[in-house]
C-alpha cells in the first residue's frame, strides 16, 4: 500500500520540488498540496493522508497550530513530519507537544526525507539526537515540570521507566537493547507497554512527558 502524503508549504517551488522527488519513489503517493495551515487542515480532512509534510512558518495559520488542529480533529490522525529551515527552530518543543511525529530540515538529503516518511508512516517517531538535544535545551531555558505528568508515570514498572529514560536520550530500540543487555524484541515490548500506559501516540510524546514529569532532567545521563 502506498504512503499517502500531503505537502504543506507556502512556497510553490518547495512543494513542486518535494512532489517531483517523492513521485519518483515507489510506495509514496502525493495526494494533495496546501499553501497555508488552514488549507492543510482542509486537505487533510478531504484526502486522509498517512503523512503530512508540514512547514512551520506559513501565512493565515502556521504549521504549529495546523498540526494541533489536524491531530485533534481526526482519528486516526495522519502523522505530521515538521519541515524547518533551521535546526534551532524555537518551535520544536511546542510542535512535538501539538502532536508532530518528528522534524526534518528542508535541506536534508532526498534519501533522508523518503526514509523519514516511511518511518513515521509506520507508526514510529523521528526523534533524532539533534532534536532530542533541542528538546533538552527547551527545558533548560524554560523548565516545564508538571506534577500531573509525574502521576502519569506511576503506572510504569521500574524497567519501563528505565527504557523511557533511554528513549528520551534519543536511543533506538537496538541501542537500548545493547545498553540494558536485553533482546530487541523485549525492548520493543517495553516501549509498546509504556506508550499504552501513558496513553501517548508515539515515542516523541513519551519523551515530552518524561521531561515534563521530571523523570528525565536536562543535562542528566541515565545510568
Foldseek 3Di string as FASTA:
>chain_A
DAQEEEEEAQDPVLVVVLQVLQVVDPRYDHDYYHNALVRVLVCCVVPVGQEYAAEQDGPPHGRLVSLLCQVVPDVVGHAYEYEYQDLLDPCLLSSLVSHHQYYDYSPDDSVVVVVQSVQVSVQAGDCAQSSLLSLLVNCVVPNQADQVLLVLCPPADPVLLLLLLVVSNVDDLVRVCVVVVHDSVVSVVSLVVSCVSSVHRYSSVSNSSCRNNVSHHRPDHRD
